[in-house]
PDB file of N, CA and C in Angstrom:
ATOM      1  N   MET A   1     -19.467  34.232   2.630  1.00  0.00           N
ATOM      2  CA  MET A   1     -18.824  33.236   0.927  1.00  0.00           C
ATOM      3  C   MET A   1     -17.635  32.780   0.887  1.00  0.00           C
ATOM      4  N   PHE A   2     -17.929  31.993   0.226  1.00  0.00           N
ATOM      5  CA  PHE A   2     -15.877  31.523  -0.345  1.00  0.00           C
ATOM      6  C   PHE A   2     -15.651  32.499  -1.678  1.00  0.00           C
ATOM      7  N   LYS A   3     -14.243  33.022  -1.768  1.00  0.00           N
ATOM      8  CA  LYS A   3     -14.069  33.693  -2.830  1.00  0.00           C
ATOM      9  C   LYS A   3     -13.949  32.260  -4.096  1.00  0.00           C
ATOM     10  N   GLY A   4     -14.065  32.861  -5.229  1.00  0.00           N
ATOM     11  CA  GLY A   4     -14.880  32.024  -6.521  1.00  0.00           C
ATOM     12  C   GLY A   4     -15.744  31.783  -6.476  1.00  0.00           C
ATOM     13  N   SER A   5     -16.841  31.598  -4.934  1.00  0.00           N
ATOM     14  CA  SER A   5     -18.403  31.496  -5.880  1.00  0.00           C
ATOM     15  C   SER A   5     -19.244  31.917  -5.776  1.00  0.00           C
ATOM     16  N   PRO A   6     -20.368  31.817  -7.015  1.00  0.00           N
ATOM     17  CA  PRO A   6     -21.454  32.403  -7.359  1.00  0.00           C
ATOM     18  C   PRO A   6     -22.113  33.313  -6.587  1.00  0.00           C
ATOM     19  N   ARG A   7     -22.060  34.603  -6.766  1.00  0.00           N
ATOM     20  CA  ARG A   7     -22.437  35.767  -5.808  1.00  0.00           C
ATOM     21  C   ARG A   7     -23.966  35.217  -5.075  1.00  0.00           C
ATOM     22  N   GLY A   8     -23.895  35.557  -3.689  1.00  0.00           N
ATOM     23  CA  GLY A   8     -24.936  35.038  -3.497  1.00  0.00           C
ATOM     24  C   GLY A   8     -24.581  33.306  -2.982  1.00  0.00           C
ATOM     25  N   ALA A   9     -23.877  32.681  -3.732  1.00  0.00           N
ATOM     26  CA  ALA A   9     -23.921  30.974  -3.363  1.00  0.00           C
ATOM     27  C   ALA A   9     -23.394  30.953  -1.845  1.00  0.00           C
ATOM     28  N   PHE A  10     -23.567  30.221  -0.950  1.00  0.00           N
ATOM     29  CA  PHE A  10     -23.140  29.550   0.070  1.00  0.00           C
ATOM     30  C   PHE A  10     -22.396  28.023  -0.283  1.00  0.00           C
ATOM     31  N   PHE A  11     -20.716  27.930   0.794  1.00  0.00           N
ATOM     32  CA  PHE A  11     -20.465  26.882   1.224  1.00  0.00           C
ATOM     33  C   PHE A  11     -20.744  25.798   1.535  1.00  0.00           C
ATOM     34  N   PHE A  12     -21.204  24.722   1.938  1.00  0.00           N
ATOM     35  CA  PHE A  12     -21.249  24.287   3.225  1.00  0.00           C
ATOM     36  C   PHE A  12     -20.568  22.840   2.416  1.00  0.00           C
ATOM     37  N   PRO A  13     -19.354  23.183   3.413  1.00  0.00           N
ATOM     38  CA  PRO A  13     -18.282  22.108   3.105  1.00  0.00           C
ATOM     39  C   PRO A  13     -19.439  20.610   3.755  1.00  0.00           C
ATOM     40  N   ILE A  14     -17.978  19.391   3.515  1.00  0.00           N
ATOM     41  CA  ILE A  14     -19.253  18.055   2.960  1.00  0.00           C
ATOM     42  C   ILE A  14     -17.987  17.388   3.836  1.00  0.00           C
ATOM     43  N   PHE A  15     -17.914  16.292   4.671  1.00  0.00           N
ATOM     44  CA  PHE A  15     -17.381  15.653   5.180  1.00  0.00           C
ATOM     45  C   PHE A  15     -17.122  14.493   5.163  1.00  0.00           C
ATOM     46  N   VAL A  16     -16.805  13.016   4.663  1.00  0.00           N
ATOM     47  CA  VAL A  16     -17.093  11.952   4.690  1.00  0.00           C
ATOM     48  C   VAL A  16     -16.191  11.061   5.048  1.00  0.00           C
ATOM     49  N   ILE A  17     -16.362  10.531   6.458  1.00  0.00           N
ATOM     50  CA  ILE A  17     -16.263   9.930   7.717  1.00  0.00           C
ATOM     51  C   ILE A  17     -15.896   8.661   7.183  1.00  0.00           C
ATOM     52  N   MET A  18     -15.010   7.721   6.988  1.00  0.00           N
ATOM     53  CA  MET A  18     -14.770   6.358   6.293  1.00  0.00           C
ATOM     54  C   MET A  18     -14.613   5.259   7.667  1.00  0.00           C
ATOM     55  N   LYS A  19     -15.962   5.011   7.760  1.00  0.00           N
ATOM     56  CA  LYS A  19     -15.825   3.452   8.606  1.00  0.00           C
ATOM     57  C   LYS A  19     -15.040   2.885   8.518  1.00  0.00           C
ATOM     58  N   ASN A  20     -13.641   2.328   9.616  1.00  0.00           N
ATOM     59  CA  ASN A  20     -12.898   1.190   9.624  1.00  0.00           C
ATOM     60  C   ASN A  20     -13.330  -0.088  10.505  1.00  0.00           C
ATOM     61  N   ILE A  21     -12.738  -1.195   9.961  1.00  0.00           N
ATOM     62  CA  ILE A  21     -13.749  -2.595  10.567  1.00  0.00           C
ATOM     63  C   ILE A  21     -12.152  -3.373  10.908  1.00  0.00           C
ATOM     64  N   LEU A  22     -12.071  -3.600  12.188  1.00  0.00           N
ATOM     65  CA  LEU A  22     -11.005  -4.322  12.447  1.00  0.00           C
ATOM     66  C   LEU A  22     -11.329  -6.117  11.859  1.00  0.00           C
ATOM     67  N   ILE A  23     -10.712  -6.579  11.122  1.00  0.00           N
ATOM     68  CA  ILE A  23     -10.998  -8.119  11.008  1.00  0.00           C
ATOM     69  C   ILE A  23      -9.682  -9.204  11.444  1.00  0.00           C
ATOM     70  N   THR A  24     -10.440  -9.912  12.873  1.00  0.00           N
ATOM     71  CA  THR A  24      -9.139 -10.949  13.292  1.00  0.00           C
ATOM     72  C   THR A  24      -8.919 -11.655  12.230  1.00  0.00           C
ATOM     73  N   GLY A  25      -8.069 -12.301  12.350  1.00  0.00           N
ATOM     74  CA  GLY A  25      -7.750 -13.961  11.536  1.00  0.00           C
ATOM     75  C   GLY A  25      -7.891 -13.493   9.712  1.00  0.00           C
ATOM     76  N   GLY A  26      -7.775 -12.338   9.703  1.00  0.00           N
ATOM     77  CA  GLY A  26      -7.543 -11.212   8.267  1.00  0.00           C
ATOM     78  C   GLY A  26      -6.682 -12.095   6.881  1.00  0.00           C
ATOM     79  N   ALA A  27      -6.189 -12.500   7.491  1.00  0.00           N
ATOM     80  CA  ALA A  27      -5.017 -13.284   6.904  1.00  0.00           C
ATOM     81  C   ALA A  27      -4.636 -14.325   5.454  1.00  0.00           C
ATOM     82  N   GLY A  28      -6.357 -14.836   6.316  1.00  0.00           N
ATOM     83  CA  GLY A  28      -6.492 -16.041   5.816  1.00  0.00           C
ATOM     84  C   GLY A  28      -7.619 -16.021   4.482  1.00  0.00           C
ATOM     85  N   PHE A  29      -8.146 -17.370   4.540  1.00  0.00           N
ATOM     86  CA  PHE A  29      -9.141 -17.657   2.896  1.00  0.00           C
ATOM     87  C   PHE A  29     -10.111 -16.688   3.212  1.00  0.00           C
ATOM     88  N   ILE A  30     -10.988 -17.047   4.321  1.00  0.00           N
ATOM     89  CA  ILE A  30     -12.341 -15.875   4.552  1.00  0.00           C
ATOM     90  C   ILE A  30     -11.928 -14.924   5.551  1.00  0.00           C
ATOM     91  N   GLY A  31     -10.751 -14.097   5.882  1.00  0.00           N
ATOM     92  CA  GLY A  31     -11.057 -13.548   6.011  1.00  0.00           C
ATOM     93  C   GLY A  31     -10.758 -12.499   5.104  1.00  0.00           C
ATOM     94  N   SER A  32      -9.626 -12.862   4.240  1.00  0.00           N
ATOM     95  CA  SER A  32      -9.003 -12.114   3.481  1.00  0.00           C
ATOM     96  C   SER A  32      -9.994 -11.738   2.376  1.00  0.00           C
ATOM     97  N   HIS A  33     -10.896 -12.415   2.068  1.00  0.00           N
ATOM     98  CA  HIS A  33     -12.212 -12.642   1.208  1.00  0.00           C
ATOM     99  C   HIS A  33     -13.225 -11.803   1.729  1.00  0.00           C
ATOM    100  N   THR A  34     -14.087 -11.236   3.106  1.00  0.00           N
ATOM    101  CA  THR A  34     -14.658 -10.705   3.530  1.00  0.00           C
ATOM    102  C   THR A  34     -13.845  -8.972   3.829  1.00  0.00           C
ATOM    103  N   ALA A  35     -12.041  -9.031   3.855  1.00  0.00           N
ATOM    104  CA  ALA A  35     -11.828  -7.692   3.496  1.00  0.00           C
ATOM    105  C   ALA A  35     -11.881  -7.308   1.950  1.00  0.00           C
ATOM    106  N   VAL A  36     -12.342  -8.429   1.136  1.00  0.00           N
ATOM    107  CA  VAL A  36     -12.386  -7.469  -0.029  1.00  0.00           C
ATOM    108  C   VAL A  36     -13.945  -7.075  -0.479  1.00  0.00           C
ATOM    109  N   GLU A  37     -14.626  -7.910   0.417  1.00  0.00           N
ATOM    110  CA  GLU A  37     -16.024  -7.223  -0.143  1.00  0.00           C
ATOM    111  C   GLU A  37     -16.393  -5.909   0.794  1.00  0.00           C
ATOM    112  N   LEU A  38     -15.875  -5.714   2.168  1.00  0.00           N
ATOM    113  CA  LEU A  38     -16.503  -4.404   2.704  1.00  0.00           C
ATOM    114  C   LEU A  38     -15.371  -3.414   2.425  1.00  0.00           C
ATOM    115  N   ILE A  39     -14.048  -3.640   1.441  1.00  0.00           N
ATOM    116  CA  ILE A  39     -13.140  -2.681   0.850  1.00  0.00           C
ATOM    117  C   ILE A  39     -13.905  -2.109  -0.444  1.00  0.00           C
ATOM    118  N   GLU A  40     -14.610  -3.121  -0.917  1.00  0.00           N
ATOM    119  CA  GLU A  40     -15.200  -2.611  -2.385  1.00  0.00           C
ATOM    120  C   GLU A  40     -16.648  -2.036  -1.489  1.00  0.00           C
ATOM    121  N   ALA A  41     -17.618  -2.344  -0.467  1.00  0.00           N
ATOM    122  CA  ALA A  41     -17.850  -1.922  -0.337  1.00  0.00           C
ATOM    123  C   ALA A  41     -18.155   0.093  -0.102  1.00  0.00           C
ATOM    124  N   GLY A  42     -16.786   0.509   0.791  1.00  0.00           N
ATOM    125  CA  GLY A  42     -16.343   1.375   0.908  1.00  0.00           C
ATOM    126  C   GLY A  42     -15.772   1.270   2.191  1.00  0.00           C
ATOM    127  N   TYR A  43     -15.762   1.039   3.305  1.00  0.00           N
ATOM    128  CA  TYR A  43     -14.674   0.261   4.672  1.00  0.00           C
ATOM    129  C   TYR A  43     -13.377   0.599   4.202  1.00  0.00           C
ATOM    130  N   GLY A  44     -12.379   1.182   5.421  1.00  0.00           N
ATOM    131  CA  GLY A  44     -11.657   0.923   6.076  1.00  0.00           C
ATOM    132  C   GLY A  44     -10.938  -0.418   6.595  1.00  0.00           C
ATOM    133  N   VAL A  45     -10.265  -1.030   5.764  1.00  0.00           N
ATOM    134  CA  VAL A  45      -9.769  -2.630   6.524  1.00  0.00           C
ATOM    135  C   VAL A  45      -8.914  -2.476   7.301  1.00  0.00           C
ATOM    136  N   ILE A  46      -8.966  -3.166   8.824  1.00  0.00           N
ATOM    137  CA  ILE A  46      -7.505  -3.247   9.241  1.00  0.00           C
ATOM    138  C   ILE A  46      -7.174  -4.800   9.484  1.00  0.00           C
ATOM    139  N   VAL A  47      -6.151  -5.348   9.489  1.00  0.00           N
ATOM    140  CA  VAL A  47      -6.141  -6.881   9.401  1.00  0.00           C
ATOM    141  C   VAL A  47      -5.487  -7.161  10.349  1.00  0.00           C
ATOM    142  N   ALA A  48      -5.787  -7.862  11.596  1.00  0.00           N
ATOM    143  CA  ALA A  48      -5.253  -8.388  12.827  1.00  0.00           C
ATOM    144  C   ALA A  48      -4.586  -9.776  12.048  1.00  0.00           C
ATOM    145  N   ASP A  49      -3.725 -10.261  12.812  1.00  0.00           N
ATOM    146  CA  ASP A  49      -3.757 -11.952  12.429  1.00  0.00           C
ATOM    147  C   ASP A  49      -2.888 -12.126  13.408  1.00  0.00           C
ATOM    148  N   ASN A  50      -2.612 -13.293  13.731  1.00  0.00           N
ATOM    149  CA  ASN A  50      -0.902 -14.113  14.252  1.00  0.00           C
ATOM    150  C   ASN A  50      -0.368 -14.559  13.235  1.00  0.00           C
ATOM    151  N   LEU A  51      -0.676 -14.990  11.757  1.00  0.00           N
ATOM    152  CA  LEU A  51      -0.110 -15.715  10.978  1.00  0.00           C
ATOM    153  C   LEU A  51      -0.235 -16.778  11.677  1.00  0.00           C
ATOM    154  N   SER A  52      -0.911 -17.899  12.691  1.00  0.00           N
ATOM    155  CA  SER A  52       0.146 -18.991  12.972  1.00  0.00           C
ATOM    156  C   SER A  52      -1.042 -20.493  12.103  1.00  0.00           C
ATOM    157  N   ASN A  53      -1.828 -19.775  10.621  1.00  0.00           N
ATOM    158  CA  ASN A  53      -2.232 -20.254   9.609  1.00  0.00           C
ATOM    159  C   ASN A  53      -3.262 -19.454   8.166  1.00  0.00           C
ATOM    160  N   ALA A  54      -2.220 -19.198   8.317  1.00  0.00           N
ATOM    161  CA  ALA A  54      -1.991 -18.486   6.688  1.00  0.00           C
ATOM    162  C   ALA A  54      -0.647 -17.016   6.675  1.00  0.00           C
ATOM    163  N   ASP A  55      -0.599 -16.854   5.773  1.00  0.00           N
ATOM    164  CA  ASP A  55       0.392 -15.857   5.653  1.00  0.00           C
ATOM    165  C   ASP A  55       0.043 -14.679   5.137  1.00  0.00           C
ATOM    166  N   THR A  56       1.118 -13.116   4.482  1.00  0.00           N
ATOM    167  CA  THR A  56       0.590 -12.432   4.093  1.00  0.00           C
ATOM    168  C   THR A  56       0.065 -12.114   2.761  1.00  0.00           C
ATOM    169  N   THR A  57       0.472 -13.288   1.863  1.00  0.00           N
ATOM    170  CA  THR A  57      -0.116 -13.613   0.628  1.00  0.00           C
ATOM    171  C   THR A  57      -1.242 -12.736   0.034  1.00  0.00           C
ATOM    172  N   CYS A  58      -1.991 -13.798   0.612  1.00  0.00           N
ATOM    173  CA  CYS A  58      -3.299 -13.738   0.847  1.00  0.00           C
ATOM    174  C   CYS A  58      -3.900 -11.888   1.155  1.00  0.00           C
ATOM    175  N   LEU A  59      -3.305 -11.119   1.887  1.00  0.00           N
ATOM    176  CA  LEU A  59      -3.507  -9.678   1.670  1.00  0.00           C
ATOM    177  C   LEU A  59      -2.739  -8.897   0.969  1.00  0.00           C
ATOM    178  N   GLU A  60      -1.828 -10.056  -0.735  1.00  0.00           N
ATOM    179  CA  GLU A  60      -1.263  -9.768  -1.810  1.00  0.00           C
ATOM    180  C   GLU A  60      -2.055  -9.448  -2.653  1.00  0.00           C
ATOM    181  N   GLY A  61      -2.996 -10.427  -2.377  1.00  0.00           N
ATOM    182  CA  GLY A  61      -4.266 -11.044  -3.632  1.00  0.00           C
ATOM    183  C   GLY A  61      -5.402  -9.770  -3.235  1.00  0.00           C
ATOM    184  N   VAL A  62      -5.506  -9.577  -1.924  1.00  0.00           N
ATOM    185  CA  VAL A  62      -7.022  -8.319  -1.844  1.00  0.00           C
ATOM    186  C   VAL A  62      -6.277  -7.010  -1.847  1.00  0.00           C
ATOM    187  N   GLU A  63      -4.817  -6.523  -2.079  1.00  0.00           N
ATOM    188  CA  GLU A  63      -4.486  -5.184  -2.805  1.00  0.00           C
ATOM    189  C   GLU A  63      -4.198  -5.672  -4.859  1.00  0.00           C
ATOM    190  N   LYS A  64      -3.941  -6.418  -4.889  1.00  0.00           N
ATOM    191  CA  LYS A  64      -4.054  -7.112  -6.399  1.00  0.00           C
ATOM    192  C   LYS A  64      -5.692  -6.635  -6.910  1.00  0.00           C
ATOM    193  N   ILE A  65      -6.718  -7.390  -5.761  1.00  0.00           N
ATOM    194  CA  ILE A  65      -8.337  -7.446  -6.385  1.00  0.00           C
ATOM    195  C   ILE A  65      -8.688  -5.835  -6.049  1.00  0.00           C
ATOM    196  N   THR A  66      -8.518  -5.195  -5.105  1.00  0.00           N
ATOM    197  CA  THR A  66      -9.323  -4.141  -5.168  1.00  0.00           C
ATOM    198  C   THR A  66      -8.243  -2.566  -5.111  1.00  0.00           C
ATOM    199  N   GLY A  67      -7.144  -2.712  -5.327  1.00  0.00           N
ATOM    200  CA  GLY A  67      -6.269  -2.047  -5.317  1.00  0.00           C
ATOM    201  C   GLY A  67      -5.658  -0.477  -4.193  1.00  0.00           C
ATOM    202  N   GLN A  68      -6.025  -1.216  -2.656  1.00  0.00           N
ATOM    203  CA  GLN A  68      -5.898  -0.640  -2.122  1.00  0.00           C
ATOM    204  C   GLN A  68      -5.291  -1.291  -0.922  1.00  0.00           C
ATOM    205  N   LYS A  69      -4.504  -0.779   0.008  1.00  0.00           N
ATOM    206  CA  LYS A  69      -3.555  -2.149   0.574  1.00  0.00           C
ATOM    207  C   LYS A  69      -4.079  -2.070   1.921  1.00  0.00           C
ATOM    208  N   SER A  70      -4.190  -2.859   2.621  1.00  0.00           N
ATOM    209  CA  SER A  70      -5.007  -2.891   3.724  1.00  0.00           C
ATOM    210  C   SER A  70      -4.158  -2.460   5.012  1.00  0.00           C
ATOM    211  N   ARG A  71      -4.080  -2.106   6.059  1.00  0.00           N
ATOM    212  CA  ARG A  71      -3.317  -2.347   7.232  1.00  0.00           C
ATOM    213  C   ARG A  71      -3.354  -3.436   7.821  1.00  0.00           C
ATOM    214  N   PHE A  72      -2.114  -3.804   8.274  1.00  0.00           N
ATOM    215  CA  PHE A  72      -1.726  -4.671   9.220  1.00  0.00           C
ATOM    216  C   PHE A  72      -1.294  -4.952  10.308  1.00  0.00           C
ATOM    217  N   ILE A  73      -1.747  -5.433  11.420  1.00  0.00           N
ATOM    218  CA  ILE A  73      -1.334  -5.511  12.383  1.00  0.00           C
ATOM    219  C   ILE A  73      -1.108  -6.891  13.380  1.00  0.00           C
ATOM    220  N   LYS A  74       0.397  -7.724  12.958  1.00  0.00           N
ATOM    221  CA  LYS A  74       0.348  -8.704  13.617  1.00  0.00           C
ATOM    222  C   LYS A  74       0.397  -8.805  15.101  1.00  0.00           C
ATOM    223  N   LEU A  75      -0.519  -9.911  15.591  1.00  0.00           N
ATOM    224  CA  LEU A  75      -1.164  -9.670  16.448  1.00  0.00           C
ATOM    225  C   LEU A  75      -2.444 -10.590  17.234  1.00  0.00           C
ATOM    226  N   THR A  76      -2.163 -11.149  18.205  1.00  0.00           N
ATOM    227  CA  THR A  76      -2.565 -12.666  18.577  1.00  0.00           C
ATOM    228  C   THR A  76      -4.053 -12.151  19.389  1.00  0.00           C
ATOM    229  N   VAL A  77      -4.776 -11.939  19.522  1.00  0.00           N
ATOM    230  CA  VAL A  77      -6.153 -11.103  20.310  1.00  0.00           C
ATOM    231  C   VAL A  77      -7.011 -12.729  20.960  1.00  0.00           C
ATOM    232  N   VAL A  78      -5.848 -12.899  21.304  1.00  0.00           N
ATOM    233  CA  VAL A  78      -6.565 -14.522  22.359  1.00  0.00           C
ATOM    234  C   VAL A  78      -6.394 -14.058  24.375  1.00  0.00           C
ATOM    235  N   LYS A  79      -7.056 -14.150  24.714  1.00  0.00           N
ATOM    236  CA  LYS A  79      -7.152 -14.113  26.608  1.00  0.00           C
ATOM    237  C   LYS A  79      -6.153 -15.624  26.959  1.00  0.00           C
ATOM    238  N   LYS A  80      -5.475 -14.992  27.547  1.00  0.00           N
ATOM    239  CA  LYS A  80      -4.751 -16.798  27.742  1.00  0.00           C
ATOM    240  C   LYS A  80      -6.177 -17.135  28.895  1.00  0.00           C
ATOM    241  N   LYS A  81      -6.673 -16.461  29.361  1.00  0.00           N
ATOM    242  CA  LYS A  81      -7.401 -16.587  30.440  1.00  0.00           C
ATOM    243  C   LYS A  81      -8.336 -17.734  30.329  1.00  0.00           C
ATOM    244  N   ILE A  82      -9.021 -17.705  29.242  1.00  0.00           N
ATOM    245  CA  ILE A  82     -10.439 -18.068  28.245  1.00  0.00           C
ATOM    246  C   ILE A  82      -9.533 -19.494  28.371  1.00  0.00           C
ATOM    247  N   TYR A  83      -8.384 -20.550  27.884  1.00  0.00           N
ATOM    248  CA  TYR A  83      -7.840 -21.070  27.634  1.00  0.00           C
ATOM    249  C   TYR A  83      -7.763 -22.047  28.979  1.00  0.00           C
ATOM    250  N   ALA A  84      -7.478 -21.114  30.502  1.00  0.00           N
ATOM    251  CA  ALA A  84      -7.783 -21.961  31.522  1.00  0.00           C
ATOM    252  C   ALA A  84      -9.480 -22.119  32.216  1.00  0.00           C
ATOM    253  N   LYS A  85      -9.747 -21.368  32.202  1.00  0.00           N
ATOM    254  CA  LYS A  85     -11.415 -21.253  32.122  1.00  0.00           C
ATOM    255  C   LYS A  85     -11.970 -22.427  31.847  1.00  0.00           C
ATOM    256  N   TYR A  86     -11.494 -22.862  30.482  1.00  0.00           N
ATOM    257  CA  TYR A  86     -12.801 -23.282  29.729  1.00  0.00           C
ATOM    258  C   TYR A  86     -11.746 -24.758  29.642  1.00  0.00           C
ATOM    259  N   SER A  87     -10.733 -25.113  30.401  1.00  0.00           N
ATOM    260  CA  SER A  87      -9.524 -26.310  29.958  1.00  0.00           C
ATOM    261  C   SER A  87      -9.581 -26.668  28.448  1.00  0.00           C
ATOM    262  N   LEU A  88      -8.601 -25.104  27.735  1.00  0.00           N
ATOM    263  CA  LEU A  88      -8.763 -25.049  26.335  1.00  0.00           C
ATOM    264  C   LEU A  88      -6.825 -25.410  26.785  1.00  0.00           C
ATOM    265  N   ARG A  89      -6.201 -26.164  24.950  1.00  0.00           N
ATOM    266  CA  ARG A  89      -4.910 -26.230  24.748  1.00  0.00           C
ATOM    267  C   ARG A  89      -4.825 -25.506  23.559  1.00  0.00           C
ATOM    268  N   THR A  90      -3.353 -24.900  23.125  1.00  0.00           N
ATOM    269  CA  THR A  90      -3.121 -24.382  21.775  1.00  0.00           C
ATOM    270  C   THR A  90      -2.386 -25.591  21.134  1.00  0.00           C
ATOM    271  N   ALA A  91      -2.748 -25.416  19.646  1.00  0.00           N
ATOM    272  CA  ALA A  91      -2.506 -25.788  19.202  1.00  0.00           C
ATOM    273  C   ALA A  91      -1.208 -26.184  19.170  1.00  0.00           C
TER     274      ALA A  91
END
């Protein structure tokens, strides 16, 4: 028993574990809208984007809508081997 609990009552701590989701390309139009929906559903959001087709203004919009600031990582999530394997080139 814990101090302040009613006599004979037991205290069972409840731990809430927030699930985090990494959104690649999350600074763009679709990614930022996805971030809003996930945050409103109770998920923690981590945005990874290289900002080649976006900027951080969408993330500011996410914060205004949800009241929560998303964690942001400037990151390119592409393996160069894929480009060679499929004869692709970057824009």
